[in-house]
N, C-alpha and C. Protein backbone atom coordinates (compact mmCIF):
# COMPACT_ATOMS: atom_id res chain seq x y z
N MET A 1 39.70 -20.48 -32.39
CA MET A 1 39.11 -19.18 -32.02
C MET A 1 37.76 -19.03 -32.59
N LYS A 2 36.86 -18.57 -31.70
CA LYS A 2 35.45 -18.39 -32.07
C LYS A 2 35.22 -17.00 -32.62
N THR A 3 34.40 -16.94 -33.63
CA THR A 3 34.05 -15.67 -34.19
C THR A 3 32.82 -15.09 -33.43
N LYS A 4 32.94 -13.88 -32.97
CA LYS A 4 31.78 -13.23 -32.28
C LYS A 4 30.94 -12.51 -33.32
N THR A 5 29.59 -12.76 -33.15
CA THR A 5 28.64 -12.07 -34.13
C THR A 5 27.61 -11.41 -33.32
N ARG A 6 26.97 -10.44 -33.92
CA ARG A 6 25.81 -9.73 -33.30
C ARG A 6 24.56 -9.99 -34.13
N PRO A 7 23.44 -9.97 -33.51
CA PRO A 7 22.20 -10.14 -34.29
C PRO A 7 22.07 -8.97 -35.27
N PHE A 8 21.47 -9.25 -36.39
CA PHE A 8 21.23 -8.19 -37.37
C PHE A 8 20.30 -7.11 -36.82
N ASP A 9 20.64 -5.86 -37.03
CA ASP A 9 19.76 -4.78 -36.57
C ASP A 9 19.70 -3.73 -37.71
N ALA A 10 18.53 -3.69 -38.32
CA ALA A 10 18.34 -2.77 -39.51
C ALA A 10 18.69 -1.32 -39.13
N ALA A 11 18.50 -0.93 -37.90
CA ALA A 11 18.76 0.42 -37.48
C ALA A 11 20.20 0.85 -37.87
N ASN A 12 21.12 -0.15 -37.86
CA ASN A 12 22.53 0.19 -38.13
C ASN A 12 22.78 0.55 -39.57
N TYR A 13 21.77 0.29 -40.48
CA TYR A 13 21.94 0.48 -41.89
C TYR A 13 21.06 1.54 -42.49
N LEU A 14 20.31 2.24 -41.69
CA LEU A 14 19.42 3.26 -42.14
C LEU A 14 20.14 4.63 -42.00
N ARG A 15 20.94 4.92 -42.98
CA ARG A 15 21.83 6.10 -42.90
C ARG A 15 21.16 7.43 -43.41
N ASP A 16 20.19 7.29 -44.38
CA ASP A 16 19.61 8.52 -44.92
C ASP A 16 18.22 8.23 -45.33
N GLU A 17 17.54 9.27 -45.81
CA GLU A 17 16.14 9.18 -46.13
C GLU A 17 15.85 8.22 -47.29
N GLU A 18 16.77 8.05 -48.15
CA GLU A 18 16.61 7.07 -49.25
C GLU A 18 16.57 5.63 -48.70
N ASP A 19 17.50 5.36 -47.74
CA ASP A 19 17.47 4.05 -47.10
C ASP A 19 16.18 3.81 -46.35
N VAL A 20 15.69 4.86 -45.64
CA VAL A 20 14.46 4.71 -44.91
C VAL A 20 13.23 4.48 -45.87
N ALA A 21 13.22 5.19 -46.98
CA ALA A 21 12.10 4.99 -47.92
C ALA A 21 12.12 3.64 -48.57
N ALA A 22 13.33 3.18 -48.93
CA ALA A 22 13.46 1.83 -49.52
C ALA A 22 13.03 0.76 -48.53
N TYR A 23 13.45 0.89 -47.34
CA TYR A 23 13.05 -0.08 -46.26
C TYR A 23 11.56 -0.13 -46.09
N LEU A 24 10.96 1.04 -45.93
CA LEU A 24 9.51 1.11 -45.73
C LEU A 24 8.73 0.61 -46.96
N ALA A 25 9.23 0.84 -48.10
CA ALA A 25 8.56 0.33 -49.33
C ALA A 25 8.49 -1.19 -49.34
N VAL A 26 9.63 -1.85 -49.00
CA VAL A 26 9.63 -3.30 -48.93
C VAL A 26 8.63 -3.81 -47.80
N VAL A 27 8.71 -3.13 -46.69
CA VAL A 27 7.91 -3.54 -45.56
C VAL A 27 6.41 -3.41 -45.87
N MET A 28 6.04 -2.35 -46.52
CA MET A 28 4.66 -2.07 -46.90
C MET A 28 4.09 -3.15 -47.85
N GLU A 29 4.91 -3.66 -48.70
CA GLU A 29 4.54 -4.70 -49.64
C GLU A 29 3.98 -5.94 -48.94
N GLU A 30 4.52 -6.16 -47.73
CA GLU A 30 4.09 -7.33 -46.92
C GLU A 30 2.66 -7.21 -46.37
N GLY A 31 2.21 -5.98 -46.16
CA GLY A 31 0.85 -5.78 -45.61
C GLY A 31 0.67 -6.21 -44.17
N ASP A 32 1.70 -6.22 -43.38
CA ASP A 32 1.64 -6.70 -41.98
C ASP A 32 1.85 -5.56 -41.04
N PRO A 33 0.76 -5.12 -40.36
CA PRO A 33 0.88 -3.92 -39.41
C PRO A 33 1.97 -4.09 -38.33
N ALA A 34 2.16 -5.35 -37.81
CA ALA A 34 3.19 -5.58 -36.83
C ALA A 34 4.62 -5.32 -37.46
N LEU A 35 4.76 -5.80 -38.70
CA LEU A 35 6.04 -5.61 -39.36
C LEU A 35 6.29 -4.14 -39.65
N LEU A 36 5.26 -3.41 -40.02
CA LEU A 36 5.42 -1.97 -40.18
C LEU A 36 5.79 -1.28 -38.89
N ALA A 37 5.16 -1.71 -37.78
CA ALA A 37 5.54 -1.11 -36.49
C ALA A 37 7.02 -1.44 -36.13
N GLY A 38 7.45 -2.66 -36.43
CA GLY A 38 8.84 -2.98 -36.19
C GLY A 38 9.81 -2.16 -37.02
N ALA A 39 9.44 -1.93 -38.32
CA ALA A 39 10.24 -1.15 -39.14
C ALA A 39 10.32 0.33 -38.67
N LEU A 40 9.21 0.83 -38.17
CA LEU A 40 9.25 2.22 -37.66
C LEU A 40 10.05 2.26 -36.40
N GLY A 41 10.04 1.18 -35.64
CA GLY A 41 10.90 1.07 -34.44
C GLY A 41 12.44 1.13 -34.78
N ASP A 42 12.76 0.37 -35.89
CA ASP A 42 14.09 0.40 -36.38
C ASP A 42 14.56 1.79 -36.79
N ILE A 43 13.67 2.49 -37.49
CA ILE A 43 13.93 3.87 -37.89
C ILE A 43 14.08 4.80 -36.69
N ALA A 44 13.14 4.58 -35.71
CA ALA A 44 13.22 5.45 -34.52
C ALA A 44 14.51 5.22 -33.75
N ARG A 45 14.97 3.99 -33.65
CA ARG A 45 16.28 3.73 -32.95
C ARG A 45 17.45 4.30 -33.73
N ALA A 46 17.36 4.25 -35.10
CA ALA A 46 18.40 4.85 -35.89
C ALA A 46 18.50 6.39 -35.71
N ARG A 47 17.35 6.98 -35.58
CA ARG A 47 17.30 8.46 -35.43
C ARG A 47 17.36 8.98 -33.99
N GLY A 48 16.92 8.14 -33.04
CA GLY A 48 16.91 8.55 -31.63
C GLY A 48 15.50 8.48 -31.07
N MET A 49 15.34 7.51 -30.20
CA MET A 49 14.01 7.27 -29.60
C MET A 49 13.59 8.41 -28.70
N THR A 50 14.56 9.00 -28.01
CA THR A 50 14.26 10.07 -27.06
C THR A 50 13.60 11.27 -27.77
N GLN A 51 14.15 11.66 -28.89
CA GLN A 51 13.61 12.80 -29.62
C GLN A 51 12.24 12.44 -30.18
N LEU A 52 12.02 11.23 -30.59
CA LEU A 52 10.74 10.80 -31.12
C LEU A 52 9.68 10.87 -30.01
N ALA A 53 10.10 10.48 -28.78
CA ALA A 53 9.15 10.50 -27.64
C ALA A 53 8.79 12.00 -27.41
N ARG A 54 9.65 12.89 -27.46
CA ARG A 54 9.34 14.35 -27.30
C ARG A 54 8.40 14.78 -28.39
N ASP A 55 8.72 14.46 -29.58
CA ASP A 55 7.92 14.90 -30.79
C ASP A 55 6.51 14.35 -30.81
N THR A 56 6.31 13.12 -30.26
CA THR A 56 4.99 12.51 -30.29
C THR A 56 4.21 12.76 -29.01
N GLY A 57 4.89 13.07 -27.95
CA GLY A 57 4.22 13.21 -26.63
C GLY A 57 3.98 11.88 -26.00
N LEU A 58 4.59 10.81 -26.52
CA LEU A 58 4.49 9.45 -25.93
C LEU A 58 5.72 9.12 -25.16
N SER A 59 5.66 8.29 -24.20
CA SER A 59 6.84 7.92 -23.38
C SER A 59 7.77 6.98 -24.23
N ARG A 60 9.09 6.98 -23.91
CA ARG A 60 9.97 6.13 -24.56
C ARG A 60 9.57 4.66 -24.44
N GLU A 61 9.13 4.31 -23.21
CA GLU A 61 8.72 2.94 -22.90
C GLU A 61 7.54 2.50 -23.79
N SER A 62 6.56 3.41 -23.94
CA SER A 62 5.37 3.15 -24.73
C SER A 62 5.80 2.96 -26.24
N LEU A 63 6.70 3.83 -26.68
CA LEU A 63 7.17 3.71 -28.08
C LEU A 63 7.92 2.38 -28.29
N TYR A 64 8.81 2.02 -27.41
CA TYR A 64 9.52 0.74 -27.52
C TYR A 64 8.54 -0.41 -27.59
N ARG A 65 7.53 -0.42 -26.73
CA ARG A 65 6.51 -1.49 -26.76
C ARG A 65 5.72 -1.44 -28.08
N SER A 66 5.23 -0.27 -28.43
CA SER A 66 4.40 -0.15 -29.66
C SER A 66 5.12 -0.45 -30.92
N LEU A 67 6.44 -0.17 -30.99
CA LEU A 67 7.18 -0.29 -32.18
C LEU A 67 8.12 -1.49 -32.13
N SER A 68 7.83 -2.48 -31.30
CA SER A 68 8.66 -3.63 -31.16
C SER A 68 8.50 -4.60 -32.32
N GLY A 69 7.38 -4.55 -32.95
CA GLY A 69 7.03 -5.52 -34.02
C GLY A 69 6.38 -6.73 -33.48
N GLU A 70 6.13 -6.83 -32.22
CA GLU A 70 5.50 -7.97 -31.62
C GLU A 70 3.98 -7.92 -31.74
N ARG A 71 3.48 -6.70 -31.97
CA ARG A 71 2.06 -6.50 -32.09
C ARG A 71 1.83 -5.32 -33.04
N ALA A 72 0.57 -5.13 -33.36
CA ALA A 72 0.24 -3.96 -34.23
C ALA A 72 -0.27 -2.91 -33.32
N PRO A 73 0.40 -1.75 -33.31
CA PRO A 73 -0.04 -0.61 -32.48
C PRO A 73 -1.30 -0.01 -33.07
N SER A 74 -1.88 0.89 -32.28
CA SER A 74 -3.05 1.64 -32.79
C SER A 74 -2.73 2.50 -33.99
N SER A 75 -3.73 2.76 -34.77
CA SER A 75 -3.45 3.69 -35.92
C SER A 75 -3.05 5.04 -35.46
N ASP A 76 -3.64 5.45 -34.32
CA ASP A 76 -3.33 6.78 -33.71
C ASP A 76 -1.78 6.84 -33.46
N THR A 77 -1.25 5.80 -32.83
CA THR A 77 0.19 5.76 -32.56
C THR A 77 1.02 5.75 -33.85
N LEU A 78 0.59 4.97 -34.80
CA LEU A 78 1.39 4.89 -36.07
C LEU A 78 1.40 6.27 -36.77
N PHE A 79 0.26 6.93 -36.77
CA PHE A 79 0.18 8.25 -37.45
C PHE A 79 1.00 9.26 -36.72
N LYS A 80 0.97 9.26 -35.36
CA LYS A 80 1.84 10.16 -34.58
C LYS A 80 3.26 10.01 -34.86
N VAL A 81 3.69 8.73 -34.92
CA VAL A 81 5.06 8.41 -35.17
C VAL A 81 5.53 8.77 -36.55
N MET A 82 4.73 8.47 -37.52
CA MET A 82 5.06 8.85 -38.93
C MET A 82 5.15 10.38 -39.09
N LYS A 83 4.23 11.07 -38.52
CA LYS A 83 4.18 12.54 -38.65
C LYS A 83 5.50 13.11 -37.96
N ALA A 84 5.78 12.62 -36.71
CA ALA A 84 6.97 13.06 -36.06
C ALA A 84 8.28 12.75 -36.81
N MET A 85 8.26 11.68 -37.58
CA MET A 85 9.45 11.30 -38.36
C MET A 85 9.48 12.03 -39.71
N GLY A 86 8.45 12.77 -40.01
CA GLY A 86 8.43 13.48 -41.33
C GLY A 86 8.05 12.53 -42.46
N LEU A 87 7.33 11.43 -42.15
CA LEU A 87 6.90 10.47 -43.17
C LEU A 87 5.46 10.64 -43.44
N GLN A 88 5.04 10.30 -44.65
CA GLN A 88 3.64 10.27 -45.01
C GLN A 88 3.37 9.04 -45.90
N LEU A 89 2.15 8.54 -45.73
CA LEU A 89 1.69 7.45 -46.61
C LEU A 89 1.22 7.99 -47.97
N SER A 90 1.42 7.21 -48.96
CA SER A 90 0.97 7.55 -50.31
C SER A 90 0.18 6.29 -50.80
N ILE A 91 -1.02 6.56 -51.28
CA ILE A 91 -1.88 5.48 -51.74
C ILE A 91 -1.92 5.51 -53.28
N HIS A 92 -1.76 4.25 -53.84
CA HIS A 92 -1.89 4.10 -55.28
C HIS A 92 -2.41 2.74 -55.55
N PRO A 93 -3.03 2.50 -56.75
CA PRO A 93 -3.57 1.18 -57.03
C PRO A 93 -2.56 0.11 -56.93
N ALA A 94 -2.98 -1.06 -56.35
CA ALA A 94 -2.10 -2.21 -56.26
C ALA A 94 -1.85 -2.75 -57.61
N LYS A 95 -0.68 -3.31 -57.80
CA LYS A 95 -0.32 -4.04 -59.05
C LYS A 95 -0.99 -5.37 -59.03
N VAL A 96 -1.68 -5.67 -60.10
CA VAL A 96 -2.37 -6.94 -60.28
C VAL A 96 -1.53 -7.85 -61.07
N ALA A 97 -1.32 -9.05 -60.54
CA ALA A 97 -0.45 -10.03 -61.27
C ALA A 97 -1.16 -10.74 -62.38
């Protein structure tokens, strides 16, 4: 008997704001804009892409493309998405090793 598996999807594990904050904190440490976009896409799918489209004024298709993680979306799109999700960036000095 074969075991059926599904690909990992972070959206299935983002249950509350603490999960979202922890996930984004790890992603931000990487410094990769495409990875950030993909993480925001995971959060959007966990919360509902349709509502995010309404809140940002962007189409669902555009959001899926922009937040796929395959490319870095414009800063305008990132800021619209973060604002609609109730998220804000916080800047602090980097830790020096």
